[in-house]
Amino acid sequence: MLHEDLMLLFINPRNGRLHASSTSIENALAGAVLIELVKSGRIAFEPNGKKLAVADPTPPNDPVLHEALGRITKPLPPQSAVERVRKRLWHNVIRQLQDHAAIRVEPRKVFGIFPAKSYPILDEATAGKLRKSVGDVAHGYRGADEHTGSLITLLYAVNAVHKVFEGDKRELKKRAKEIARGNWAGDAVRRAVEAIQAGVTAAATAAASGE
């Protein structure tokens, strides 16, 4: 699932710590969940293309998507949908990755005082394959497909591509911008990703200005 893979990319494979702030991760994860719901036909844009609404209320098998779908109780513009869906999303995705034995959660202290957590990756082979696949696209070694394109677009939306992948910051951001505008998905999905990307960026900006 897009949200699980995105969370794995945000985890530093060397020490289990996170490559981005909790605000960035929460907003990006919300975007991933919304994209999955659009792709599954559970939600769709209204005819005017301005708001997301439930198109099929059938509960998804994935528990994270199930809970997120239940939060779309009325038509919402993308930014509002991101802000509605992101509540508790971090914890839900982390718990799901734990249940799948992909990571474990360990307590730690920041500066030896403040409580925090790290998330060592247990399934290193799968996570490594994912990171290489998406990294090859981010560095321009191969073209994006729907999955890798969506992941990089979401990382770009919260200005995190250069934090997740090593390399020249300017080149990574330039490449990510090109991918975000690319034609790696069908028209309906691409339009949805573009709108959701804008909603993620707006939600992240609003959250940052309120901190």
C-alpha atoms as a PDB file:
ATOM      1  CA  MET A   1       0.000   0.000   0.000  1.00  0.00           C
ATOM      2  CA  LEU A   2       1.141   3.512  -0.794  1.00  0.00           C
ATOM      3  CA  HIS A   3       0.941   4.720   2.824  1.00  0.00           C
ATOM      4  CA  GLU A   4       3.029   1.823   4.147  1.00  0.00           C
ATOM      5  CA  ASP A   5       5.722   2.299   1.507  1.00  0.00           C
ATOM      6  CA  LEU A   6       5.783   6.042   2.117  1.00  0.00           C
ATOM      7  CA  MET A   7       6.266   5.531   5.854  1.00  0.00           C
ATOM      8  CA  LEU A   8       9.114   3.098   5.195  1.00  0.00           C
ATOM      9  CA  LEU A   9      10.822   5.707   3.008  1.00  0.00           C
ATOM     10  CA  PHE A  10      10.590   8.248   5.820  1.00  0.00           C
ATOM     11  CA  ILE A  11      12.480   5.872   8.162  1.00  0.00           C
ATOM     12  CA  ASN A  12      16.275   6.059   8.085  1.00  0.00           C
ATOM     13  CA  PRO A  13      17.330   2.424   7.473  1.00  0.00           C
ATOM     14  CA  ARG A  14      20.561   2.927   9.409  1.00  0.00           C
ATOM     15  CA  ASN A  15      19.161   4.058  12.753  1.00  0.00           C
ATOM     16  CA  GLY A  16      15.367   3.852  12.575  1.00  0.00           C
ATOM     17  CA  ARG A  17      14.912   7.579  13.001  1.00  0.00           C
ATOM     18  CA  LEU A  18      12.752   9.738  10.776  1.00  0.00           C
ATOM     19  CA  HIS A  19      13.910  11.805   7.829  1.00  0.00           C
ATOM     20  CA  ALA A  20      11.227  14.494   8.250  1.00  0.00           C
ATOM     21  CA  SER A  21       9.056  16.218  10.827  1.00  0.00           C
ATOM     22  CA  SER A  22       5.879  14.648  12.145  1.00  0.00           C
ATOM     23  CA  THR A  23       3.825  17.364  10.417  1.00  0.00           C
ATOM     24  CA  SER A  24       5.347  16.604   7.019  1.00  0.00           C
ATOM     25  CA  ILE A  25       4.917  12.876   7.464  1.00  0.00           C
ATOM     26  CA  GLU A  26       1.306  13.137   8.611  1.00  0.00           C
ATOM     27  CA  ASN A  27       0.319  15.306   5.650  1.00  0.00           C
ATOM     28  CA  ALA A  28       2.144  13.113   3.130  1.00  0.00           C
ATOM     29  CA  LEU A  29       0.554   9.968   4.582  1.00  0.00           C
ATOM     30  CA  ALA A  30      -2.871  11.578   4.313  1.00  0.00           C
ATOM     31  CA  GLY A  31      -2.178  12.242   0.651  1.00  0.00           C
ATOM     32  CA  ALA A  32      -1.149   8.616   0.136  1.00  0.00           C
ATOM     33  CA  VAL A  33      -4.341   7.358   1.754  1.00  0.00           C
ATOM     34  CA  LEU A  34      -6.499   9.670  -0.367  1.00  0.00           C
ATOM     35  CA  ILE A  35      -4.757   8.520  -3.548  1.00  0.00           C
ATOM     36  CA  GLU A  36      -5.367   4.880  -2.598  1.00  0.00           C
ATOM     37  CA  LEU A  37      -9.038   5.638  -1.954  1.00  0.00           C
ATOM     38  CA  VAL A  38      -9.335   7.345  -5.348  1.00  0.00           C
ATOM     39  CA  LYS A  39      -7.612   4.451  -7.125  1.00  0.00           C
ATOM     40  CA  SER A  40      -9.936   1.951  -5.450  1.00  0.00           C
ATOM     41  CA  GLY A  41     -12.997   3.958  -6.467  1.00  0.00           C
ATOM     42  CA  ARG A  42     -14.037   4.616  -2.848  1.00  0.00           C
ATOM     43  CA  ILE A  43     -13.810   8.386  -3.261  1.00  0.00           C
ATOM     44  CA  ALA A  44     -13.859  10.595  -6.340  1.00  0.00           C
ATOM     45  CA  PHE A  45     -13.931  14.235  -7.299  1.00  0.00           C
ATOM     46  CA  GLU A  46     -17.295  15.815  -7.860  1.00  0.00           C
ATOM     47  CA  PRO A  47     -18.098  16.804 -11.480  1.00  0.00           C
ATOM     48  CA  ASN A  48     -16.702  20.309 -10.944  1.00  0.00           C
ATOM     49  CA  GLY A  49     -13.409  18.781  -9.808  1.00  0.00           C
ATOM     50  CA  LYS A  50     -13.221  20.852  -6.628  1.00  0.00           C
ATOM     51  CA  LYS A  51     -14.224  18.454  -3.855  1.00  0.00           C
ATOM     52  CA  LEU A  52     -13.627  14.822  -2.936  1.00  0.00           C
ATOM     53  CA  ALA A  53     -16.660  12.789  -1.951  1.00  0.00           C
ATOM     54  CA  VAL A  54     -17.443   9.165  -1.166  1.00  0.00           C
ATOM     55  CA  ALA A  55     -18.327   7.287  -4.356  1.00  0.00           C
ATOM     56  CA  ASP A  56     -18.434   3.750  -2.950  1.00  0.00           C
ATOM     57  CA  PRO A  57     -18.909   3.298   0.830  1.00  0.00           C
ATOM     58  CA  THR A  58     -17.871  -0.374   0.762  1.00  0.00           C
ATOM     59  CA  PRO A  59     -15.283  -0.710   3.577  1.00  0.00           C
ATOM     60  CA  PRO A  60     -11.769  -1.387   2.239  1.00  0.00           C
ATOM     61  CA  ASN A  61      -9.962  -4.463   3.558  1.00  0.00           C
ATOM     62  CA  ASP A  62      -7.027  -2.317   4.661  1.00  0.00           C
ATOM     63  CA  PRO A  63      -7.832  -1.001   8.174  1.00  0.00           C
ATOM     64  CA  VAL A  64      -6.037   2.312   7.624  1.00  0.00           C
ATOM     65  CA  LEU A  65      -8.054   2.986   4.479  1.00  0.00           C
ATOM     66  CA  HIS A  66     -11.208   1.810   6.246  1.00  0.00           C
ATOM     67  CA  GLU A  67     -10.835   4.383   9.012  1.00  0.00           C
ATOM     68  CA  ALA A  68      -9.856   7.146   6.588  1.00  0.00           C
ATOM     69  CA  LEU A  69     -12.894   6.507   4.404  1.00  0.00           C
ATOM     70  CA  GLY A  70     -15.116   6.882   7.457  1.00  0.00           C
ATOM     71  CA  ARG A  71     -13.731  10.380   7.972  1.00  0.00           C
ATOM     72  CA  ILE A  72     -14.981  11.624   4.607  1.00  0.00           C
ATOM     73  CA  THR A  73     -18.479  12.386   5.863  1.00  0.00           C
ATOM     74  CA  LYS A  74     -19.176  15.121   3.334  1.00  0.00           C
ATOM     75  CA  PRO A  75     -17.614  16.507   0.135  1.00  0.00           C
ATOM     76  CA  LEU A  76     -14.310  18.204   0.971  1.00  0.00           C
ATOM     77  CA  PRO A  77     -11.714  20.192  -0.976  1.00  0.00           C
ATOM     78  CA  PRO A  78      -8.336  18.384  -1.065  1.00  0.00           C
ATOM     79  CA  GLN A  79      -6.715  20.428   1.714  1.00  0.00           C
ATOM     80  CA  SER A  80      -9.650  19.828   4.066  1.00  0.00           C
ATOM     81  CA  ALA A  81      -9.642  16.131   3.184  1.00  0.00           C
ATOM     82  CA  VAL A  82      -5.931  15.907   4.044  1.00  0.00           C
ATOM     83  CA  GLU A  83      -6.518  17.691   7.353  1.00  0.00           C
ATOM     84  CA  ARG A  84      -9.464  15.402   8.174  1.00  0.00           C
ATOM     85  CA  VAL A  85      -7.715  12.146   7.277  1.00  0.00           C
ATOM     86  CA  ARG A  86      -4.326  12.849   8.898  1.00  0.00           C
ATOM     87  CA  LYS A  87      -5.650  12.577  12.472  1.00  0.00           C
ATOM     88  CA  ARG A  88      -4.071   9.542  14.185  1.00  0.00           C
ATOM     89  CA  LEU A  89      -2.832   8.395  10.778  1.00  0.00           C
ATOM     90  CA  TRP A  90       0.826   8.220  11.793  1.00  0.00           C
ATOM     91  CA  HIS A  91       0.043   5.861  14.667  1.00  0.00           C
ATOM     92  CA  ASN A  92      -2.282   3.742  12.535  1.00  0.00           C
ATOM     93  CA  VAL A  93       0.324   3.242   9.804  1.00  0.00           C
ATOM     94  CA  ILE A  94       3.072   2.506  12.329  1.00  0.00           C
ATOM     95  CA  ARG A  95       0.850  -0.068  14.025  1.00  0.00           C
ATOM     96  CA  GLN A  96       0.071  -1.675  10.681  1.00  0.00           C
ATOM     97  CA  LEU A  97       3.763  -1.921   9.817  1.00  0.00           C
ATOM     98  CA  GLN A  98       4.358  -3.511  13.218  1.00  0.00           C
ATOM     99  CA  ASP A  99       1.565  -5.999  12.610  1.00  0.00           C
ATOM    100  CA  HIS A 100       3.205  -6.911   9.299  1.00  0.00           C
ATOM    101  CA  ALA A 101       6.558  -7.389  11.077  1.00  0.00           C
ATOM    102  CA  ALA A 102       8.099  -4.697   8.876  1.00  0.00           C
ATOM    103  CA  ILE A 103       9.356  -2.545  11.778  1.00  0.00           C
ATOM    104  CA  ARG A 104       9.582  -2.457  15.545  1.00  0.00           C
ATOM    105  CA  VAL A 105       9.158   0.538  17.829  1.00  0.00           C
ATOM    106  CA  GLU A 106      11.862   1.424  20.355  1.00  0.00           C
ATOM    107  CA  PRO A 107      11.825   4.208  22.965  1.00  0.00           C
ATOM    108  CA  ARG A 108      14.754   6.604  23.034  1.00  0.00           C
ATOM    109  CA  LYS A 109      15.733   9.934  24.563  1.00  0.00           C
ATOM    110  CA  VAL A 110      16.567  13.156  22.743  1.00  0.00           C
ATOM    111  CA  PHE A 111      19.521  14.886  24.457  1.00  0.00           C
ATOM    112  CA  GLY A 112      19.157  12.214  27.117  1.00  0.00           C
ATOM    113  CA  ILE A 113      15.993  13.906  28.417  1.00  0.00           C
ATOM    114  CA  PHE A 114      13.048  14.103  26.029  1.00  0.00           C
ATOM    115  CA  PRO A 115      11.197  10.877  25.221  1.00  0.00           C
ATOM    116  CA  ALA A 116      11.027   9.884  21.570  1.00  0.00           C
ATOM    117  CA  LYS A 117      10.860   6.759  19.449  1.00  0.00           C
ATOM    118  CA  SER A 118      12.804   5.081  16.693  1.00  0.00           C
ATOM    119  CA  TYR A 119      11.503   2.557  14.193  1.00  0.00           C
ATOM    120  CA  PRO A 120      14.153  -0.017  13.246  1.00  0.00           C
ATOM    121  CA  ILE A 121      13.288  -1.819  10.027  1.00  0.00           C
ATOM    122  CA  LEU A 122      12.947  -5.579  10.414  1.00  0.00           C
ATOM    123  CA  ASP A 123      12.189  -6.558   6.818  1.00  0.00           C
ATOM    124  CA  GLU A 124      15.361  -5.052   5.426  1.00  0.00           C
ATOM    125  CA  ALA A 125      15.165  -6.864   2.089  1.00  0.00           C
ATOM    126  CA  THR A 126      11.723  -5.523   1.189  1.00  0.00           C
ATOM    127  CA  ALA A 127      12.488  -2.021   2.464  1.00  0.00           C
ATOM    128  CA  GLY A 128      15.801  -1.985   0.620  1.00  0.00           C
ATOM    129  CA  LYS A 129      14.170  -3.027  -2.637  1.00  0.00           C
ATOM    130  CA  LEU A 130      11.571  -0.287  -2.221  1.00  0.00           C
ATOM    131  CA  ARG A 131      14.167   2.377  -1.464  1.00  0.00           C
ATOM    132  CA  LYS A 132      16.269   1.391  -4.486  1.00  0.00           C
ATOM    133  CA  SER A 133      13.257   1.314  -6.798  1.00  0.00           C
ATOM    134  CA  VAL A 134      12.032   4.763  -5.778  1.00  0.00           C
ATOM    135  CA  GLY A 135      15.567   6.128  -5.474  1.00  0.00           C
ATOM    136  CA  ASP A 136      16.415   5.099  -9.039  1.00  0.00           C
ATOM    137  CA  VAL A 137      13.455   7.170 -10.229  1.00  0.00           C
ATOM    138  CA  ALA A 138      14.326  10.106  -7.965  1.00  0.00           C
ATOM    139  CA  HIS A 139      17.870  10.151  -9.359  1.00  0.00           C
ATOM    140  CA  GLY A 140      16.687   9.866 -12.958  1.00  0.00           C
ATOM    141  CA  TYR A 141      18.018   6.370 -13.637  1.00  0.00           C
ATOM    142  CA  ARG A 142      14.616   5.212 -14.862  1.00  0.00           C
ATOM    143  CA  GLY A 143      11.148   6.602 -15.456  1.00  0.00           C
ATOM    144  CA  ALA A 144       8.330   6.705 -12.938  1.00  0.00           C
ATOM    145  CA  ASP A 145       5.359   4.370 -12.874  1.00  0.00           C
ATOM    146  CA  GLU A 146       2.104   5.042 -11.034  1.00  0.00           C
ATOM    147  CA  HIS A 147       3.410   3.801  -7.683  1.00  0.00           C
ATOM    148  CA  THR A 148       6.869   5.384  -7.661  1.00  0.00           C
ATOM    149  CA  GLY A 149       5.504   8.544  -9.253  1.00  0.00           C
ATOM    150  CA  SER A 150       2.905   8.905  -6.509  1.00  0.00           C
ATOM    151  CA  LEU A 151       5.489   8.349  -3.774  1.00  0.00           C
ATOM    152  CA  ILE A 152       7.907  10.942  -5.147  1.00  0.00           C
ATOM    153  CA  THR A 153       5.094  13.422  -5.754  1.00  0.00           C
ATOM    154  CA  LEU A 154       4.050  13.127  -2.094  1.00  0.00           C
ATOM    155  CA  LEU A 155       7.631  13.539  -0.888  1.00  0.00           C
ATOM    156  CA  TYR A 156       7.941  16.591  -3.133  1.00  0.00           C
ATOM    157  CA  ALA A 157       4.694  18.013  -1.728  1.00  0.00           C
ATOM    158  CA  VAL A 158       6.246  18.193   1.754  1.00  0.00           C
ATOM    159  CA  ASN A 159       9.758  19.145   0.523  1.00  0.00           C
ATOM    160  CA  ALA A 160      11.289  15.888   1.708  1.00  0.00           C
ATOM    161  CA  VAL A 161      12.833  14.227  -1.369  1.00  0.00           C
ATOM    162  CA  HIS A 162      16.335  15.464  -0.549  1.00  0.00           C
ATOM    163  CA  LYS A 163      15.880  14.343   3.066  1.00  0.00           C
ATOM    164  CA  VAL A 164      14.915  10.806   2.127  1.00  0.00           C
ATOM    165  CA  PHE A 165      17.461  10.275  -0.669  1.00  0.00           C
ATOM    166  CA  GLU A 166      21.119  11.232  -0.764  1.00  0.00           C
ATOM    167  CA  GLY A 167      22.341  13.426  -3.577  1.00  0.00           C
ATOM    168  CA  ASP A 168      22.447  17.008  -4.758  1.00  0.00           C
ATOM    169  CA  LYS A 169      19.503  18.814  -3.163  1.00  0.00           C
ATOM    170  CA  ARG A 170      18.839  21.065  -6.128  1.00  0.00           C
ATOM    171  CA  GLU A 171      18.922  18.223  -8.642  1.00  0.00           C
ATOM    172  CA  LEU A 172      16.696  15.985  -6.532  1.00  0.00           C
ATOM    173  CA  LYS A 173      14.104  18.738  -6.124  1.00  0.00           C
ATOM    174  CA  LYS A 174      14.235  19.553  -9.841  1.00  0.00           C
ATOM    175  CA  ARG A 175      13.786  15.908 -10.778  1.00  0.00           C
ATOM    176  CA  ALA A 176      10.947  15.487  -8.259  1.00  0.00           C
ATOM    177  CA  LYS A 177       9.167  18.531  -9.669  1.00  0.00           C
ATOM    178  CA  GLU A 178       9.382  17.043 -13.167  1.00  0.00           C
ATOM    179  CA  ILE A 179       8.030  13.721 -11.908  1.00  0.00           C
ATOM    180  CA  ALA A 180       5.163  15.428 -10.085  1.00  0.00           C
ATOM    181  CA  ARG A 181       4.131  16.962 -13.410  1.00  0.00           C
ATOM    182  CA  GLY A 182       4.733  13.794 -15.424  1.00  0.00           C
ATOM    183  CA  ASN A 183       2.378  11.515 -17.337  1.00  0.00           C
ATOM    184  CA  TRP A 184       3.061   8.265 -15.470  1.00  0.00           C
ATOM    185  CA  ALA A 185      -0.590   7.542 -14.644  1.00  0.00           C
ATOM    186  CA  GLY A 186      -3.941   7.526 -16.404  1.00  0.00           C
ATOM    187  CA  ASP A 187      -5.780  10.817 -16.723  1.00  0.00           C
ATOM    188  CA  ALA A 188      -8.181  10.264 -13.811  1.00  0.00           C
ATOM    189  CA  VAL A 189      -5.480   9.191 -11.355  1.00  0.00           C
ATOM    190  CA  ARG A 190      -3.085  11.882 -12.549  1.00  0.00           C
ATOM    191  CA  ARG A 191      -5.659  14.635 -12.030  1.00  0.00           C
ATOM    192  CA  ALA A 192      -6.433  13.256  -8.586  1.00  0.00           C
ATOM    193  CA  VAL A 193      -2.745  13.076  -7.635  1.00  0.00           C
ATOM    194  CA  GLU A 194      -2.177  16.658  -8.793  1.00  0.00           C
ATOM    195  CA  ALA A 195      -5.103  17.952  -6.750  1.00  0.00           C
ATOM    196  CA  ILE A 196      -4.175  15.908  -3.690  1.00  0.00           C
ATOM    197  CA  GLN A 197      -0.541  17.034  -3.988  1.00  0.00           C
ATOM    198  CA  ALA A 198      -1.724  20.644  -3.904  1.00  0.00           C
ATOM    199  CA  GLY A 199      -3.881  19.832  -0.875  1.00  0.00           C
ATOM    200  CA  VAL A 200      -0.952  18.193   0.943  1.00  0.00           C
ATOM    201  CA  THR A 201       1.278  21.205   0.261  1.00  0.00           C
ATOM    202  CA  ALA A 202      -1.398  23.637   1.434  1.00  0.00           C
ATOM    203  CA  ALA A 203      -2.101  21.609   4.582  1.00  0.00           C
ATOM    204  CA  ALA A 204       1.616  21.365   5.386  1.00  0.00           C
ATOM    205  CA  THR A 205       2.066  25.124   4.871  1.00  0.00           C
ATOM    206  CA  ALA A 206      -0.928  25.909   7.070  1.00  0.00           C
ATOM    207  CA  ALA A 207       0.309  23.573   9.796  1.00  0.00           C
ATOM    208  CA  ALA A 208       3.808  25.059   9.694  1.00  0.00           C
ATOM    209  CA  SER A 209       2.505  28.616   9.936  1.00  0.00           C
ATOM    210  CA  GLY A 210       0.432  27.636  12.975  1.00  0.00           C
ATOM    211  CA  GLU A 211       3.344  26.088  14.881  1.00  0.00           C
END
